Amino acid sequence: MRTRSTLFLNPIAIGAALIALDVAPSVVASPAAPTPAEVCGMLSGADVKELLGKPAKAEPKEDNTGSTCLWLGDHASLSVTVETDDLLKTKVYAVKNQTAAERFEYMKKEVAAKRAKGVPGIGDDAVWQSNLLWVLKGKKVATISINRKGTFPADDLPGAKAAAAKVVAKL
């Protein structure tokens, strides 16, 4: 049989828990995860035209690891994905409890080690692998790819670096 004191204590315990939850995120919060539309907003129409040679429409989407924006042109495409700790907790390909920085280090060390080269001067660390530029900035990782029809992927590093500089400034 329930007593009045038990019923009285439950709301107090619940209230204390809610207060604790309200305070905790400000202490341990990770950077906010951008939406795909926000990722698209990291590059202007003029930026995209300069990088691809022609204007291209931004197509925001969620992918397997983060928020992505894809611009498709007639002869080139540009993709920007931003991963954060919050996004990685909900994605299929993320390792359980892996942070964005840990994912970057894993990609740098394990996946891209044999084919990757460091790219100094962008973010906290950056690696170019095949046609992907991985950039670590704080607790966020940006992956930038420019693909041009008829070119070898390594030829797109200058364009990827130009896009990365603009994206990283907004992370």
C-alpha atoms as a PDB file:
ATOM      1  CA  MET A   1       0.000   0.000   0.000  1.00  0.00           C
ATOM      2  CA  ARG A   2       1.356   3.440  -0.955  1.00  0.00           C
ATOM      3  CA  THR A   3       1.637   6.139   1.606  1.00  0.00           C
ATOM      4  CA  ARG A   4       1.400   9.868   1.122  1.00  0.00           C
ATOM      5  CA  SER A   5       5.126  10.280   1.816  1.00  0.00           C
ATOM      6  CA  THR A   6       6.036   7.925  -1.044  1.00  0.00           C
ATOM      7  CA  LEU A   7       3.854   9.860  -3.444  1.00  0.00           C
ATOM      8  CA  PHE A   8       5.302  13.104  -2.141  1.00  0.00           C
ATOM      9  CA  LEU A   9       8.927  11.945  -2.561  1.00  0.00           C
ATOM     10  CA  ASN A  10       8.538  10.744  -6.124  1.00  0.00           C
ATOM     11  CA  PRO A  11       7.830  14.217  -7.587  1.00  0.00           C
ATOM     12  CA  ILE A  12      10.767  15.601  -5.601  1.00  0.00           C
ATOM     13  CA  ALA A  13      13.077  12.887  -6.921  1.00  0.00           C
ATOM     14  CA  ILE A  14      11.803  13.445 -10.434  1.00  0.00           C
ATOM     15  CA  GLY A  15      12.256  17.208 -10.089  1.00  0.00           C
ATOM     16  CA  ALA A  16      15.818  16.755  -8.825  1.00  0.00           C
ATOM     17  CA  ALA A  17      16.600  14.457 -11.737  1.00  0.00           C
ATOM     18  CA  LEU A  18      15.191  16.953 -14.233  1.00  0.00           C
ATOM     19  CA  ILE A  19      17.239  19.746 -12.708  1.00  0.00           C
ATOM     20  CA  ALA A  20      20.353  17.579 -12.894  1.00  0.00           C
ATOM     21  CA  LEU A  21      19.643  16.761 -16.545  1.00  0.00           C
ATOM     22  CA  ASP A  22      19.139  20.417 -17.344  1.00  0.00           C
ATOM     23  CA  VAL A  23      22.542  21.323 -15.867  1.00  0.00           C
ATOM     24  CA  ALA A  24      24.539  18.368 -17.208  1.00  0.00           C
ATOM     25  CA  PRO A  25      24.421  19.208 -20.933  1.00  0.00           C
ATOM     26  CA  SER A  26      26.000  22.614 -20.352  1.00  0.00           C
ATOM     27  CA  VAL A  27      28.919  20.887 -18.660  1.00  0.00           C
ATOM     28  CA  VAL A  28      29.522  18.018 -21.090  1.00  0.00           C
ATOM     29  CA  ALA A  29      27.765  19.109 -24.272  1.00  0.00           C
ATOM     30  CA  SER A  30      29.437  18.450 -27.582  1.00  0.00           C
ATOM     31  CA  PRO A  31      29.221  20.953 -30.437  1.00  0.00           C
ATOM     32  CA  ALA A  32      25.791  21.117 -32.003  1.00  0.00           C
ATOM     33  CA  ALA A  33      25.323  18.905 -35.012  1.00  0.00           C
ATOM     34  CA  PRO A  34      24.578  20.914 -38.156  1.00  0.00           C
ATOM     35  CA  THR A  35      21.586  19.999 -40.246  1.00  0.00           C
ATOM     36  CA  PRO A  36      22.146  19.124 -43.904  1.00  0.00           C
ATOM     37  CA  ALA A  37      20.717  22.540 -44.865  1.00  0.00           C
ATOM     38  CA  GLU A  38      23.250  24.224 -42.561  1.00  0.00           C
ATOM     39  CA  VAL A  39      26.054  22.264 -44.228  1.00  0.00           C
ATOM     40  CA  CYS A  40      24.802  23.539 -47.596  1.00  0.00           C
ATOM     41  CA  GLY A  41      24.983  27.062 -46.196  1.00  0.00           C
ATOM     42  CA  MET A  42      28.701  26.693 -45.445  1.00  0.00           C
ATOM     43  CA  LEU A  43      29.472  27.397 -49.112  1.00  0.00           C
ATOM     44  CA  SER A  44      27.852  30.225 -51.054  1.00  0.00           C
ATOM     45  CA  GLY A  45      26.544  29.909 -54.589  1.00  0.00           C
ATOM     46  CA  ALA A  46      29.574  31.926 -55.736  1.00  0.00           C
ATOM     47  CA  ASP A  47      31.913  29.511 -53.890  1.00  0.00           C
ATOM     48  CA  VAL A  48      30.307  26.513 -55.598  1.00  0.00           C
ATOM     49  CA  LYS A  49      30.438  28.183 -59.019  1.00  0.00           C
ATOM     50  CA  GLU A  50      34.128  28.950 -58.522  1.00  0.00           C
ATOM     51  CA  LEU A  51      34.876  25.368 -57.432  1.00  0.00           C
ATOM     52  CA  LEU A  52      32.822  23.576 -60.096  1.00  0.00           C
ATOM     53  CA  GLY A  53      33.054  26.055 -62.947  1.00  0.00           C
ATOM     54  CA  LYS A  54      29.270  26.469 -63.147  1.00  0.00           C
ATOM     55  CA  PRO A  55      26.406  27.058 -60.703  1.00  0.00           C
ATOM     56  CA  ALA A  56      24.950  23.950 -59.075  1.00  0.00           C
ATOM     57  CA  LYS A  57      21.923  23.427 -56.871  1.00  0.00           C
ATOM     58  CA  ALA A  58      22.575  22.375 -53.273  1.00  0.00           C
ATOM     59  CA  GLU A  59      21.003  19.057 -52.268  1.00  0.00           C
ATOM     60  CA  PRO A  60      20.971  18.568 -48.474  1.00  0.00           C
ATOM     61  CA  LYS A  61      20.792  14.993 -47.183  1.00  0.00           C
ATOM     62  CA  GLU A  62      21.548  12.778 -44.226  1.00  0.00           C
ATOM     63  CA  ASP A  63      24.016  10.045 -45.004  1.00  0.00           C
ATOM     64  CA  ASN A  64      25.465   7.124 -43.056  1.00  0.00           C
ATOM     65  CA  THR A  65      27.812   9.205 -40.922  1.00  0.00           C
ATOM     66  CA  GLY A  66      26.678  12.819 -40.862  1.00  0.00           C
ATOM     67  CA  SER A  67      24.968  15.785 -42.441  1.00  0.00           C
ATOM     68  CA  THR A  68      25.817  16.174 -46.116  1.00  0.00           C
ATOM     69  CA  CYS A  69      25.354  18.646 -48.906  1.00  0.00           C
ATOM     70  CA  LEU A  70      25.849  17.589 -52.506  1.00  0.00           C
ATOM     71  CA  TRP A  71      26.175  19.920 -55.480  1.00  0.00           C
ATOM     72  CA  LEU A  72      25.886  18.232 -58.893  1.00  0.00           C
ATOM     73  CA  GLY A  73      27.134  20.047 -61.969  1.00  0.00           C
ATOM     74  CA  ASP A  74      27.323  18.981 -65.595  1.00  0.00           C
ATOM     75  CA  HIS A  75      30.974  17.940 -65.387  1.00  0.00           C
ATOM     76  CA  ALA A  76      31.760  18.006 -61.686  1.00  0.00           C
ATOM     77  CA  SER A  77      30.300  17.369 -58.254  1.00  0.00           C
ATOM     78  CA  LEU A  78      31.102  18.629 -54.790  1.00  0.00           C
ATOM     79  CA  SER A  79      30.213  16.921 -51.532  1.00  0.00           C
ATOM     80  CA  VAL A  80      30.636  18.191 -47.975  1.00  0.00           C
ATOM     81  CA  THR A  81      29.819  16.026 -44.955  1.00  0.00           C
ATOM     82  CA  VAL A  82      30.111  17.174 -41.347  1.00  0.00           C
ATOM     83  CA  GLU A  83      30.295  14.639 -38.531  1.00  0.00           C
ATOM     84  CA  THR A  84      29.938  15.468 -34.848  1.00  0.00           C
ATOM     85  CA  ASP A  85      29.827  13.376 -31.700  1.00  0.00           C
ATOM     86  CA  ASP A  86      26.024  13.749 -31.576  1.00  0.00           C
ATOM     87  CA  LEU A  87      25.525  12.635 -35.182  1.00  0.00           C
ATOM     88  CA  LEU A  88      27.861   9.658 -34.883  1.00  0.00           C
ATOM     89  CA  LYS A  89      25.833   8.265 -31.984  1.00  0.00           C
ATOM     90  CA  THR A  90      22.879   7.787 -34.333  1.00  0.00           C
ATOM     91  CA  LYS A  91      24.535   6.557 -37.525  1.00  0.00           C
ATOM     92  CA  VAL A  92      24.821   3.033 -38.886  1.00  0.00           C
ATOM     93  CA  TYR A  93      28.534   3.043 -39.711  1.00  0.00           C
ATOM     94  CA  ALA A  94      29.714   4.677 -36.501  1.00  0.00           C
ATOM     95  CA  VAL A  95      31.519   2.626 -33.891  1.00  0.00           C
ATOM     96  CA  LYS A  96      29.562   2.668 -30.639  1.00  0.00           C
ATOM     97  CA  ASN A  97      30.610   5.612 -28.460  1.00  0.00           C
ATOM     98  CA  GLN A  98      33.215   6.781 -31.001  1.00  0.00           C
ATOM     99  CA  THR A  99      33.715  10.539 -31.090  1.00  0.00           C
ATOM    100  CA  ALA A 100      34.240  12.473 -34.309  1.00  0.00           C
ATOM    101  CA  ALA A 101      37.889  13.049 -33.360  1.00  0.00           C
ATOM    102  CA  GLU A 102      38.363   9.315 -32.699  1.00  0.00           C
ATOM    103  CA  ARG A 103      36.765   8.510 -36.051  1.00  0.00           C
ATOM    104  CA  PHE A 104      39.161  10.935 -37.773  1.00  0.00           C
ATOM    105  CA  GLU A 105      42.154   9.335 -36.061  1.00  0.00           C
ATOM    106  CA  TYR A 106      40.906   5.866 -37.003  1.00  0.00           C
ATOM    107  CA  MET A 107      40.473   6.869 -40.650  1.00  0.00           C
ATOM    108  CA  LYS A 108      43.877   8.532 -40.673  1.00  0.00           C
ATOM    109  CA  LYS A 109      45.681   5.629 -39.034  1.00  0.00           C
ATOM    110  CA  GLU A 110      43.880   2.476 -40.143  1.00  0.00           C
ATOM    111  CA  VAL A 111      42.001   3.138 -43.361  1.00  0.00           C
ATOM    112  CA  ALA A 112      43.963   5.798 -45.156  1.00  0.00           C
ATOM    113  CA  ALA A 113      47.480   5.193 -43.790  1.00  0.00           C
ATOM    114  CA  LYS A 114      48.947   3.612 -46.897  1.00  0.00           C
ATOM    115  CA  ARG A 115      47.347   5.931 -49.433  1.00  0.00           C
ATOM    116  CA  ALA A 116      46.909   9.133 -47.473  1.00  0.00           C
ATOM    117  CA  LYS A 117      49.018  12.209 -47.214  1.00  0.00           C
ATOM    118  CA  GLY A 118      48.861  14.928 -44.615  1.00  0.00           C
ATOM    119  CA  VAL A 119      47.578  18.320 -45.664  1.00  0.00           C
ATOM    120  CA  PRO A 120      49.014  21.052 -43.433  1.00  0.00           C
ATOM    121  CA  GLY A 121      47.351  24.362 -42.720  1.00  0.00           C
ATOM    122  CA  ILE A 122      43.693  23.262 -42.669  1.00  0.00           C
ATOM    123  CA  GLY A 123      41.850  22.804 -39.382  1.00  0.00           C
ATOM    124  CA  ASP A 124      43.578  20.985 -36.535  1.00  0.00           C
ATOM    125  CA  ASP A 125      44.643  18.144 -38.833  1.00  0.00           C
ATOM    126  CA  ALA A 126      43.833  17.091 -42.392  1.00  0.00           C
ATOM    127  CA  VAL A 127      44.405  14.053 -44.577  1.00  0.00           C
ATOM    128  CA  TRP A 128      43.914  13.580 -48.328  1.00  0.00           C
ATOM    129  CA  GLN A 129      42.939  10.067 -49.365  1.00  0.00           C
ATOM    130  CA  SER A 130      42.107   9.224 -52.969  1.00  0.00           C
ATOM    131  CA  ASN A 131      39.401  11.848 -53.635  1.00  0.00           C
ATOM    132  CA  LEU A 132      38.470  12.719 -50.034  1.00  0.00           C
ATOM    133  CA  LEU A 133      39.865  15.462 -47.842  1.00  0.00           C
ATOM    134  CA  TRP A 134      39.246  14.659 -44.158  1.00  0.00           C
ATOM    135  CA  VAL A 135      39.576  17.696 -41.865  1.00  0.00           C
ATOM    136  CA  LEU A 136      39.487  17.658 -38.068  1.00  0.00           C
ATOM    137  CA  LYS A 137      38.431  20.904 -36.400  1.00  0.00           C
ATOM    138  CA  GLY A 138      37.830  20.669 -32.665  1.00  0.00           C
ATOM    139  CA  LYS A 139      35.141  18.022 -32.138  1.00  0.00           C
ATOM    140  CA  LYS A 140      33.932  18.041 -35.734  1.00  0.00           C
ATOM    141  CA  VAL A 141      35.137  16.319 -38.885  1.00  0.00           C
ATOM    142  CA  ALA A 142      34.451  17.631 -42.366  1.00  0.00           C
ATOM    143  CA  THR A 143      34.879  15.432 -45.416  1.00  0.00           C
ATOM    144  CA  ILE A 144      35.147  17.247 -48.728  1.00  0.00           C
ATOM    145  CA  SER A 145      35.201  15.691 -52.169  1.00  0.00           C
ATOM    146  CA  ILE A 146      35.299  17.250 -55.625  1.00  0.00           C
ATOM    147  CA  ASN A 147      34.946  14.909 -58.567  1.00  0.00           C
ATOM    148  CA  ARG A 148      35.554  16.172 -62.078  1.00  0.00           C
ATOM    149  CA  LYS A 149      34.726  13.995 -65.051  1.00  0.00           C
ATOM    150  CA  GLY A 150      37.837  12.897 -66.904  1.00  0.00           C
ATOM    151  CA  THR A 151      40.381  13.787 -64.205  1.00  0.00           C
ATOM    152  CA  PHE A 152      42.371  11.733 -61.770  1.00  0.00           C
ATOM    153  CA  PRO A 153      41.022  12.273 -58.223  1.00  0.00           C
ATOM    154  CA  ALA A 154      44.328  13.644 -56.927  1.00  0.00           C
ATOM    155  CA  ASP A 155      43.915  16.566 -59.330  1.00  0.00           C
ATOM    156  CA  ASP A 156      41.037  17.793 -57.178  1.00  0.00           C
ATOM    157  CA  LEU A 157      43.061  18.381 -54.006  1.00  0.00           C
ATOM    158  CA  PRO A 158      43.447  22.151 -54.676  1.00  0.00           C
ATOM    159  CA  GLY A 159      39.670  22.535 -55.047  1.00  0.00           C
ATOM    160  CA  ALA A 160      39.004  20.398 -51.971  1.00  0.00           C
ATOM    161  CA  LYS A 161      41.441  22.534 -49.967  1.00  0.00           C
ATOM    162  CA  ALA A 162      39.721  25.729 -51.119  1.00  0.00           C
ATOM    163  CA  ALA A 163      36.320  24.342 -50.111  1.00  0.00           C
ATOM    164  CA  ALA A 164      37.719  23.057 -46.802  1.00  0.00           C
ATOM    165  CA  ALA A 165      39.100  26.470 -45.871  1.00  0.00           C
ATOM    166  CA  LYS A 166      35.616  27.978 -46.204  1.00  0.00           C
ATOM    167  CA  VAL A 167      33.850  25.081 -44.435  1.00  0.00           C
ATOM    168  CA  VAL A 168      36.313  24.903 -41.540  1.00  0.00           C
ATOM    169  CA  ALA A 169      35.900  28.634 -40.902  1.00  0.00           C
ATOM    170  CA  LYS A 170      32.219  27.925 -40.175  1.00  0.00           C
ATOM    171  CA  LEU A 171      32.638  24.841 -37.982  1.00  0.00           C
END
